[in-house]
Amino acid sequence: MADQVNRFLGDTPGRTIIKLVVVSLIVGFIMHVFGIFPADILEGIRRFFIDIWYRGFAALGRVGDYLLLGATVVIPVFIVLRLISARN
């Protein structure tokens, strides 16, 4: 069992934890220098999905506008053509 854990982690659990702590400190320092915070990242992801959600419905709204605009021409032409073909 321990061999499988070591193989999964790539090293012993203790050494892996030390490596993760060191890398986390380095990455945390770099993120702080650039003014990037975890809350900003999560907020950006949340805004991304909200924008996709609203833009999708806006696109559907435009499709509805196009449908109504086209129907104002197509329906009367269809009725006229059906009336003309019914006479023949």
PDB file of N, CA and C in Angstrom:
ATOM      1  N   MET A   1       0.817  -1.191   0.000  1.00  0.00           N
ATOM      2  CA  MET A   1       0.000   0.000   0.000  1.00  0.00           C
ATOM      3  C   MET A   1       0.863   1.258   0.000  1.00  0.00           C
ATOM      4  N   ALA A   2       1.913   1.274   0.831  1.00  0.00           N
ATOM      5  CA  ALA A   2       2.795   2.443   0.915  1.00  0.00           C
ATOM      6  C   ALA A   2       3.507   2.678  -0.408  1.00  0.00           C
ATOM      7  N   ASP A   3       3.854   1.591  -1.100  1.00  0.00           N
ATOM      8  CA  ASP A   3       4.523   1.728  -2.391  1.00  0.00           C
ATOM      9  C   ASP A   3       3.598   2.392  -3.407  1.00  0.00           C
ATOM     10  N   GLN A   4       2.319   2.051  -3.368  1.00  0.00           N
ATOM     11  CA  GLN A   4       1.354   2.669  -4.289  1.00  0.00           C
ATOM     12  C   GLN A   4       1.199   4.155  -3.989  1.00  0.00           C
ATOM     13  N   VAL A   5       1.172   4.514  -2.707  1.00  0.00           N
ATOM     14  CA  VAL A   5       1.057   5.927  -2.325  1.00  0.00           C
ATOM     15  C   VAL A   5       2.299   6.684  -2.795  1.00  0.00           C
ATOM     16  N   ASN A   6       3.459   6.123  -2.575  1.00  0.00           N
ATOM     17  CA  ASN A   6       4.700   6.761  -3.015  1.00  0.00           C
ATOM     18  C   ASN A   6       4.728   6.928  -4.533  1.00  0.00           C
ATOM     19  N   ARG A   7       4.265   5.915  -5.240  1.00  0.00           N
ATOM     20  CA  ARG A   7       4.230   5.984  -6.698  1.00  0.00           C
ATOM     21  C   ARG A   7       3.253   7.067  -7.160  1.00  0.00           C
ATOM     22  N   PHE A   8       2.097   7.164  -6.482  1.00  0.00           N
ATOM     23  CA  PHE A   8       1.091   8.161  -6.843  1.00  0.00           C
ATOM     24  C   PHE A   8       1.616   9.572  -6.591  1.00  0.00           C
ATOM     25  N   LEU A   9       2.263   9.783  -5.433  1.00  0.00           N
ATOM     26  CA  LEU A   9       2.757  11.112  -5.077  1.00  0.00           C
ATOM     27  C   LEU A   9       4.067  11.450  -5.776  1.00  0.00           C
ATOM     28  N   GLY A  10       4.797  10.448  -6.231  1.00  0.00           N
ATOM     29  CA  GLY A  10       6.080  10.680  -6.865  1.00  0.00           C
ATOM     30  C   GLY A  10       7.249  10.673  -5.887  1.00  0.00           C
ATOM     31  N   ASP A  11       6.957  10.590  -4.609  1.00  0.00           N
ATOM     32  CA  ASP A  11       7.980  10.571  -3.557  1.00  0.00           C
ATOM     33  C   ASP A  11       7.277  10.175  -2.256  1.00  0.00           C
ATOM     34  N   THR A  12       7.980  10.211  -1.157  1.00  0.00           N
ATOM     35  CA  THR A  12       7.342   9.892   0.121  1.00  0.00           C
ATOM     36  C   THR A  12       6.365  11.013   0.484  1.00  0.00           C
ATOM     37  N   PRO A  13       5.351  10.724   1.280  1.00  0.00           N
ATOM     38  CA  PRO A  13       4.375  11.759   1.648  1.00  0.00           C
ATOM     39  C   PRO A  13       5.020  12.979   2.321  1.00  0.00           C
ATOM     40  N   GLY A  14       5.981  12.765   3.193  1.00  0.00           N
ATOM     41  CA  GLY A  14       6.638  13.881   3.875  1.00  0.00           C
ATOM     42  C   GLY A  14       7.357  14.814   2.917  1.00  0.00           C
ATOM     43  N   ARG A  15       8.142  14.228   2.023  1.00  0.00           N
ATOM     44  CA  ARG A  15       8.872  15.043   1.041  1.00  0.00           C
ATOM     45  C   ARG A  15       7.930  15.736   0.090  1.00  0.00           C
ATOM     46  N   THR A  16       6.848  15.067  -0.277  1.00  0.00           N
ATOM     47  CA  THR A  16       5.862  15.681  -1.175  1.00  0.00           C
ATOM     48  C   THR A  16       5.211  16.885  -0.506  1.00  0.00           C
ATOM     49  N   ILE A  17       4.874  16.774   0.783  1.00  0.00           N
ATOM     50  CA  ILE A  17       4.265  17.889   1.509  1.00  0.00           C
ATOM     51  C   ILE A  17       5.242  19.065   1.584  1.00  0.00           C
ATOM     52  N   ILE A  18       6.507  18.793   1.843  1.00  0.00           N
ATOM     53  CA  ILE A  18       7.509  19.863   1.899  1.00  0.00           C
ATOM     54  C   ILE A  18       7.633  20.557   0.551  1.00  0.00           C
ATOM     55  N   LYS A  19       7.680  19.788  -0.535  1.00  0.00           N
ATOM     56  CA  LYS A  19       7.752  20.372  -1.879  1.00  0.00           C
ATOM     57  C   LYS A  19       6.530  21.241  -2.169  1.00  0.00           C
ATOM     58  N   LEU A  20       5.352  20.750  -1.804  1.00  0.00           N
ATOM     59  CA  LEU A  20       4.130  21.515  -2.047  1.00  0.00           C
ATOM     60  C   LEU A  20       4.108  22.810  -1.245  1.00  0.00           C
ATOM     61  N   VAL A  21       4.602  22.777  -0.012  1.00  0.00           N
ATOM     62  CA  VAL A  21       4.649  23.992   0.817  1.00  0.00           C
ATOM     63  C   VAL A  21       5.593  25.013   0.193  1.00  0.00           C
ATOM     64  N   VAL A  22       6.773  24.573  -0.237  1.00  0.00           N
ATOM     65  CA  VAL A  22       7.752  25.486  -0.828  1.00  0.00           C
ATOM     66  C   VAL A  22       7.203  26.099  -2.120  1.00  0.00           C
ATOM     67  N   VAL A  23       6.666  25.278  -2.977  1.00  0.00           N
ATOM     68  CA  VAL A  23       6.120  25.786  -4.240  1.00  0.00           C
ATOM     69  C   VAL A  23       4.939  26.712  -3.972  1.00  0.00           C
ATOM     70  N   SER A  24       4.100  26.394  -2.989  1.00  0.00           N
ATOM     71  CA  SER A  24       2.968  27.246  -2.653  1.00  0.00           C
ATOM     72  C   SER A  24       3.442  28.608  -2.157  1.00  0.00           C
ATOM     73  N   LEU A  25       4.498  28.636  -1.352  1.00  0.00           N
ATOM     74  CA  LEU A  25       5.046  29.913  -0.886  1.00  0.00           C
ATOM     75  C   LEU A  25       5.568  30.756  -2.047  1.00  0.00           C
ATOM     76  N   ILE A  26       6.284  30.122  -2.967  1.00  0.00           N
ATOM     77  CA  ILE A  26       6.838  30.845  -4.113  1.00  0.00           C
ATOM     78  C   ILE A  26       5.713  31.396  -4.985  1.00  0.00           C
ATOM     79  N   VAL A  27       4.752  30.550  -5.316  1.00  0.00           N
ATOM     80  CA  VAL A  27       3.641  30.984  -6.163  1.00  0.00           C
ATOM     81  C   VAL A  27       2.822  32.060  -5.458  1.00  0.00           C
ATOM     82  N   GLY A  28       2.579  31.898  -4.158  1.00  0.00           N
ATOM     83  CA  GLY A  28       1.849  32.895  -3.395  1.00  0.00           C
ATOM     84  C   GLY A  28       2.543  34.244  -3.390  1.00  0.00           C
ATOM     85  N   PHE A  29       3.869  34.240  -3.234  1.00  0.00           N
ATOM     86  CA  PHE A  29       4.641  35.477  -3.257  1.00  0.00           C
ATOM     87  C   PHE A  29       4.538  36.152  -4.620  1.00  0.00           C
ATOM     88  N   ILE A  30       4.695  35.382  -5.680  1.00  0.00           N
ATOM     89  CA  ILE A  30       4.614  35.933  -7.042  1.00  0.00           C
ATOM     90  C   ILE A  30       3.218  36.501  -7.309  1.00  0.00           C
ATOM     91  N   MET A  31       2.188  35.782  -6.884  1.00  0.00           N
ATOM     92  CA  MET A  31       0.821  36.282  -7.085  1.00  0.00           C
ATOM     93  C   MET A  31       0.601  37.578  -6.311  1.00  0.00           C
ATOM     94  N   HIS A  32       1.149  37.668  -5.095  1.00  0.00           N
ATOM     95  CA  HIS A  32       1.002  38.880  -4.296  1.00  0.00           C
ATOM     96  C   HIS A  32       1.719  40.053  -4.957  1.00  0.00           C
ATOM     97  N   VAL A  33       2.912  39.810  -5.513  1.00  0.00           N
ATOM     98  CA  VAL A  33       3.664  40.872  -6.186  1.00  0.00           C
ATOM     99  C   VAL A  33       2.857  41.432  -7.354  1.00  0.00           C
ATOM    100  N   PHE A  34       2.173  40.573  -8.102  1.00  0.00           N
ATOM    101  CA  PHE A  34       1.384  41.016  -9.246  1.00  0.00           C
ATOM    102  C   PHE A  34      -0.031  41.439  -8.865  1.00  0.00           C
ATOM    103  N   GLY A  35      -0.374  41.362  -7.595  1.00  0.00           N
ATOM    104  CA  GLY A  35      -1.685  41.805  -7.137  1.00  0.00           C
ATOM    105  C   GLY A  35      -2.812  40.861  -7.506  1.00  0.00           C
ATOM    106  N   ILE A  36      -2.510  39.598  -7.606  1.00  0.00           N
ATOM    107  CA  ILE A  36      -3.517  38.585  -7.936  1.00  0.00           C
ATOM    108  C   ILE A  36      -3.881  37.852  -6.651  1.00  0.00           C
ATOM    109  N   PHE A  37      -5.177  37.825  -6.352  1.00  0.00           N
ATOM    110  CA  PHE A  37      -5.645  37.172  -5.137  1.00  0.00           C
ATOM    111  C   PHE A  37      -6.655  36.090  -5.494  1.00  0.00           C
ATOM    112  N   PRO A  38      -6.744  35.034  -4.689  1.00  0.00           N
ATOM    113  CA  PRO A  38      -7.669  33.938  -4.994  1.00  0.00           C
ATOM    114  C   PRO A  38      -9.117  34.398  -5.184  1.00  0.00           C
ATOM    115  N   ALA A  39      -9.554  35.370  -4.396  1.00  0.00           N
ATOM    116  CA  ALA A  39     -10.927  35.865  -4.538  1.00  0.00           C
ATOM    117  C   ALA A  39     -11.135  36.497  -5.907  1.00  0.00           C
ATOM    118  N   ASP A  40     -10.109  37.191  -6.430  1.00  0.00           N
ATOM    119  CA  ASP A  40     -10.208  37.793  -7.759  1.00  0.00           C
ATOM    120  C   ASP A  40     -10.312  36.727  -8.842  1.00  0.00           C
ATOM    121  N   ILE A  41      -9.560  35.657  -8.672  1.00  0.00           N
ATOM    122  CA  ILE A  41      -9.612  34.565  -9.646  1.00  0.00           C
ATOM    123  C   ILE A  41     -10.997  33.924  -9.644  1.00  0.00           C
ATOM    124  N   LEU A  42     -11.514  33.649  -8.455  1.00  0.00           N
ATOM    125  CA  LEU A  42     -12.847  33.039  -8.368  1.00  0.00           C
ATOM    126  C   LEU A  42     -13.922  33.981  -8.909  1.00  0.00           C
ATOM    127  N   GLU A  43     -13.795  35.274  -8.621  1.00  0.00           N
ATOM    128  CA  GLU A  43     -14.756  36.254  -9.132  1.00  0.00           C
ATOM    129  C   GLU A  43     -14.679  36.333 -10.661  1.00  0.00           C
ATOM    130  N   GLY A  44     -13.485  36.262 -11.201  1.00  0.00           N
ATOM    131  CA  GLY A  44     -13.331  36.276 -12.657  1.00  0.00           C
ATOM    132  C   GLY A  44     -13.977  35.066 -13.310  1.00  0.00           C
ATOM    133  N   ILE A  45     -13.814  33.908 -12.702  1.00  0.00           N
ATOM    134  CA  ILE A  45     -14.444  32.687 -13.227  1.00  0.00           C
ATOM    135  C   ILE A  45     -15.958  32.806 -13.148  1.00  0.00           C
ATOM    136  N   ARG A  46     -16.457  33.339 -12.025  1.00  0.00           N
ATOM    137  CA  ARG A  46     -17.899  33.505 -11.858  1.00  0.00           C
ATOM    138  C   ARG A  46     -18.452  34.481 -12.901  1.00  0.00           C
ATOM    139  N   ARG A  47     -17.759  35.624 -13.105  1.00  0.00           N
ATOM    140  CA  ARG A  47     -18.201  36.601 -14.102  1.00  0.00           C
ATOM    141  C   ARG A  47     -18.159  36.008 -15.513  1.00  0.00           C
ATOM    142  N   PHE A  48     -17.170  35.173 -15.787  1.00  0.00           N
ATOM    143  CA  PHE A  48     -17.060  34.535 -17.098  1.00  0.00           C
ATOM    144  C   PHE A  48     -18.311  33.715 -17.409  1.00  0.00           C
ATOM    145  N   PHE A  49     -18.733  32.888 -16.448  1.00  0.00           N
ATOM    146  CA  PHE A  49     -19.910  32.057 -16.681  1.00  0.00           C
ATOM    147  C   PHE A  49     -21.198  32.883 -16.716  1.00  0.00           C
ATOM    148  N   ILE A  50     -21.272  33.930 -15.920  1.00  0.00           N
ATOM    149  CA  ILE A  50     -22.453  34.800 -15.959  1.00  0.00           C
ATOM    150  C   ILE A  50     -22.532  35.514 -17.301  1.00  0.00           C
ATOM    151  N   ASP A  51     -21.403  35.990 -17.817  1.00  0.00           N
ATOM    152  CA  ASP A  51     -21.401  36.637 -19.134  1.00  0.00           C
ATOM    153  C   ASP A  51     -21.838  35.674 -20.228  1.00  0.00           C
ATOM    154  N   ILE A  52     -21.352  34.448 -20.166  1.00  0.00           N
ATOM    155  CA  ILE A  52     -21.776  33.445 -21.151  1.00  0.00           C
ATOM    156  C   ILE A  52     -23.278  33.224 -21.048  1.00  0.00           C
ATOM    157  N   TRP A  53     -23.790  33.145 -19.814  1.00  0.00           N
ATOM    158  CA  TRP A  53     -25.223  32.917 -19.589  1.00  0.00           C
ATOM    159  C   TRP A  53     -26.044  34.044 -20.210  1.00  0.00           C
ATOM    160  N   TYR A  54     -25.686  35.300 -19.894  1.00  0.00           N
ATOM    161  CA  TYR A  54     -26.475  36.431 -20.390  1.00  0.00           C
ATOM    162  C   TYR A  54     -26.302  36.652 -21.884  1.00  0.00           C
ATOM    163  N   ARG A  55     -25.107  36.456 -22.387  1.00  0.00           N
ATOM    164  CA  ARG A  55     -24.904  36.619 -23.834  1.00  0.00           C
ATOM    165  C   ARG A  55     -25.659  35.556 -24.609  1.00  0.00           C
ATOM    166  N   GLY A  56     -25.772  34.374 -24.032  1.00  0.00           N
ATOM    167  CA  GLY A  56     -26.547  33.322 -24.695  1.00  0.00           C
ATOM    168  C   GLY A  56     -28.003  33.695 -24.823  1.00  0.00           C
ATOM    169  N   PHE A  57     -28.584  34.246 -23.742  1.00  0.00           N
ATOM    170  CA  PHE A  57     -29.979  34.662 -23.808  1.00  0.00           C
ATOM    171  C   PHE A  57     -30.146  35.896 -24.680  1.00  0.00           C
ATOM    172  N   ALA A  58     -29.148  36.767 -24.713  1.00  0.00           N
ATOM    173  CA  ALA A  58     -29.217  37.920 -25.605  1.00  0.00           C
ATOM    174  C   ALA A  58     -29.225  37.455 -27.056  1.00  0.00           C
ATOM    175  N   ALA A  59     -28.434  36.425 -27.354  1.00  0.00           N
ATOM    176  CA  ALA A  59     -28.428  35.881 -28.710  1.00  0.00           C
ATOM    177  C   ALA A  59     -29.791  35.292 -29.060  1.00  0.00           C
ATOM    178  N   LEU A  60     -30.405  34.597 -28.086  1.00  0.00           N
ATOM    179  CA  LEU A  60     -31.746  34.062 -28.324  1.00  0.00           C
ATOM    180  C   LEU A  60     -32.750  35.186 -28.535  1.00  0.00           C
ATOM    181  N   GLY A  61     -32.590  36.276 -27.813  1.00  0.00           N
ATOM    182  CA  GLY A  61     -33.458  37.436 -27.996  1.00  0.00           C
ATOM    183  C   GLY A  61     -33.320  38.021 -29.386  1.00  0.00           C
ATOM    184  N   ARG A  62     -32.089  38.074 -29.896  1.00  0.00           N
ATOM    185  CA  ARG A  62     -31.873  38.565 -31.262  1.00  0.00           C
ATOM    186  C   ARG A  62     -32.496  37.626 -32.274  1.00  0.00           C
ATOM    187  N   VAL A  63     -32.420  36.320 -32.022  1.00  0.00           N
ATOM    188  CA  VAL A  63     -33.040  35.357 -32.931  1.00  0.00           C
ATOM    189  C   VAL A  63     -34.543  35.601 -32.975  1.00  0.00           C
ATOM    190  N   GLY A  64     -35.139  35.863 -31.809  1.00  0.00           N
ATOM    191  CA  GLY A  64     -36.566  36.169 -31.761  1.00  0.00           C
ATOM    192  C   GLY A  64     -36.893  37.437 -32.538  1.00  0.00           C
ATOM    193  N   ASP A  65     -36.039  38.456 -32.424  1.00  0.00           N
ATOM    194  CA  ASP A  65     -36.247  39.693 -33.193  1.00  0.00           C
ATOM    195  C   ASP A  65     -36.163  39.418 -34.692  1.00  0.00           C
ATOM    196  N   TYR A  66     -35.174  38.627 -35.092  1.00  0.00           N
ATOM    197  CA  TYR A  66     -35.036  38.290 -36.507  1.00  0.00           C
ATOM    198  C   TYR A  66     -36.236  37.495 -37.000  1.00  0.00           C
ATOM    199  N   LEU A  67     -36.718  36.599 -36.154  1.00  0.00           N
ATOM    200  CA  LEU A  67     -37.886  35.794 -36.512  1.00  0.00           C
ATOM    201  C   LEU A  67     -39.105  36.675 -36.752  1.00  0.00           C
ATOM    202  N   LEU A  68     -39.367  37.595 -35.843  1.00  0.00           N
ATOM    203  CA  LEU A  68     -40.512  38.494 -36.006  1.00  0.00           C
ATOM    204  C   LEU A  68     -40.345  39.403 -37.211  1.00  0.00           C
ATOM    205  N   LEU A  69     -39.156  39.911 -37.419  1.00  0.00           N
ATOM    206  CA  LEU A  69     -38.898  40.777 -38.564  1.00  0.00           C
ATOM    207  C   LEU A  69     -39.115  40.024 -39.874  1.00  0.00           C
ATOM    208  N   GLY A  70     -38.587  38.826 -39.958  1.00  0.00           N
ATOM    209  CA  GLY A  70     -38.781  38.021 -41.167  1.00  0.00           C
ATOM    210  C   GLY A  70     -40.231  37.604 -41.360  1.00  0.00           C
ATOM    211  N   ALA A  71     -40.924  37.319 -40.258  1.00  0.00           N
ATOM    212  CA  ALA A  71     -42.320  36.892 -40.348  1.00  0.00           C
ATOM    213  C   ALA A  71     -43.212  38.002 -40.876  1.00  0.00           C
ATOM    214  N   THR A  72     -42.858  39.259 -40.643  1.00  0.00           N
ATOM    215  CA  THR A  72     -43.677  40.359 -41.163  1.00  0.00           C
ATOM    216  C   THR A  72     -43.675  40.398 -42.675  1.00  0.00           C
ATOM    217  N   VAL A  73     -42.672  39.801 -43.284  1.00  0.00           N
ATOM    218  CA  VAL A  73     -42.617  39.742 -44.743  1.00  0.00           C
ATOM    219  C   VAL A  73     -43.078  38.377 -45.246  1.00  0.00           C
ATOM    220  N   VAL A  74     -42.613  37.311 -44.622  1.00  0.00           N
ATOM    221  CA  VAL A  74     -42.856  35.963 -45.124  1.00  0.00           C
ATOM    222  C   VAL A  74     -44.322  35.553 -45.005  1.00  0.00           C
ATOM    223  N   ILE A  75     -44.956  35.833 -43.886  1.00  0.00           N
ATOM    224  CA  ILE A  75     -46.343  35.397 -43.683  1.00  0.00           C
ATOM    225  C   ILE A  75     -47.289  36.035 -44.699  1.00  0.00           C
ATOM    226  N   PRO A  76     -47.246  37.359 -44.902  1.00  0.00           N
ATOM    227  CA  PRO A  76     -48.143  37.928 -45.926  1.00  0.00           C
ATOM    228  C   PRO A  76     -47.861  37.378 -47.333  1.00  0.00           C
ATOM    229  N   VAL A  77     -46.590  37.212 -47.677  1.00  0.00           N
ATOM    230  CA  VAL A  77     -46.263  36.657 -48.999  1.00  0.00           C
ATOM    231  C   VAL A  77     -46.784  35.230 -49.103  1.00  0.00           C
ATOM    232  N   PHE A  78     -46.632  34.436 -48.061  1.00  0.00           N
ATOM    233  CA  PHE A  78     -47.143  33.066 -48.047  1.00  0.00           C
ATOM    234  C   PHE A  78     -48.657  33.053 -48.252  1.00  0.00           C
ATOM    235  N   ILE A  79     -49.369  33.923 -47.540  1.00  0.00           N
ATOM    236  CA  ILE A  79     -50.839  33.957 -47.670  1.00  0.00           C
ATOM    237  C   ILE A  79     -51.236  34.359 -49.078  1.00  0.00           C
ATOM    238  N   VAL A  80     -50.581  35.351 -49.634  1.00  0.00           N
ATOM    239  CA  VAL A  80     -50.900  35.781 -51.011  1.00  0.00           C
ATOM    240  C   VAL A  80     -50.625  34.651 -51.987  1.00  0.00           C
ATOM    241  N   LEU A  81     -49.504  33.988 -51.857  1.00  0.00           N
ATOM    242  CA  LEU A  81     -49.186  32.887 -52.771  1.00  0.00           C
ATOM    243  C   LEU A  81     -50.193  31.746 -52.639  1.00  0.00           C
ATOM    244  N   ARG A  82     -50.623  31.437 -51.423  1.00  0.00           N
ATOM    245  CA  ARG A  82     -51.615  30.372 -51.213  1.00  0.00           C
ATOM    246  C   ARG A  82     -52.962  30.765 -51.835  1.00  0.00           C
ATOM    247  N   LEU A  83     -53.329  32.035 -51.701  1.00  0.00           N
ATOM    248  CA  LEU A  83     -54.589  32.491 -52.306  1.00  0.00           C
ATOM    249  C   LEU A  83     -54.523  32.434 -53.833  1.00  0.00           C
ATOM    250  N   ILE A  84     -53.390  32.804 -54.379  1.00  0.00           N
ATOM    251  CA  ILE A  84     -53.234  32.743 -55.841  1.00  0.00           C
ATOM    252  C   ILE A  84     -53.258  31.302 -56.319  1.00  0.00           C
ATOM    253  N   SER A  85     -52.589  30.391 -55.598  1.00  0.00           N
ATOM    254  CA  SER A  85     -52.557  28.994 -56.038  1.00  0.00           C
ATOM    255  C   SER A  85     -53.925  28.328 -55.806  1.00  0.00           C
ATOM    256  N   ALA A  86     -54.720  28.815 -54.879  1.00  0.00           N
ATOM    257  CA  ALA A  86     -56.040  28.229 -54.637  1.00  0.00           C
ATOM    258  C   ALA A  86     -57.001  28.544 -55.767  1.00  0.00           C
ATOM    259  N   ARG A  87     -56.818  29.665 -56.445  1.00  0.00           N
ATOM    260  CA  ARG A  87     -57.660  30.046 -57.573  1.00  0.00           C
ATOM    261  C   ARG A  87     -57.429  29.121 -58.769  1.00  0.00           C
ATOM    262  N   ASN A  88     -56.226  28.639 -58.910  1.00  0.00           N
ATOM    263  CA  ASN A  88     -55.888  27.807 -60.093  1.00  0.00           C
ATOM    264  C   ASN A  88     -56.320  26.432 -59.825  1.00  0.00           C
TER     265      ASN A  88
END
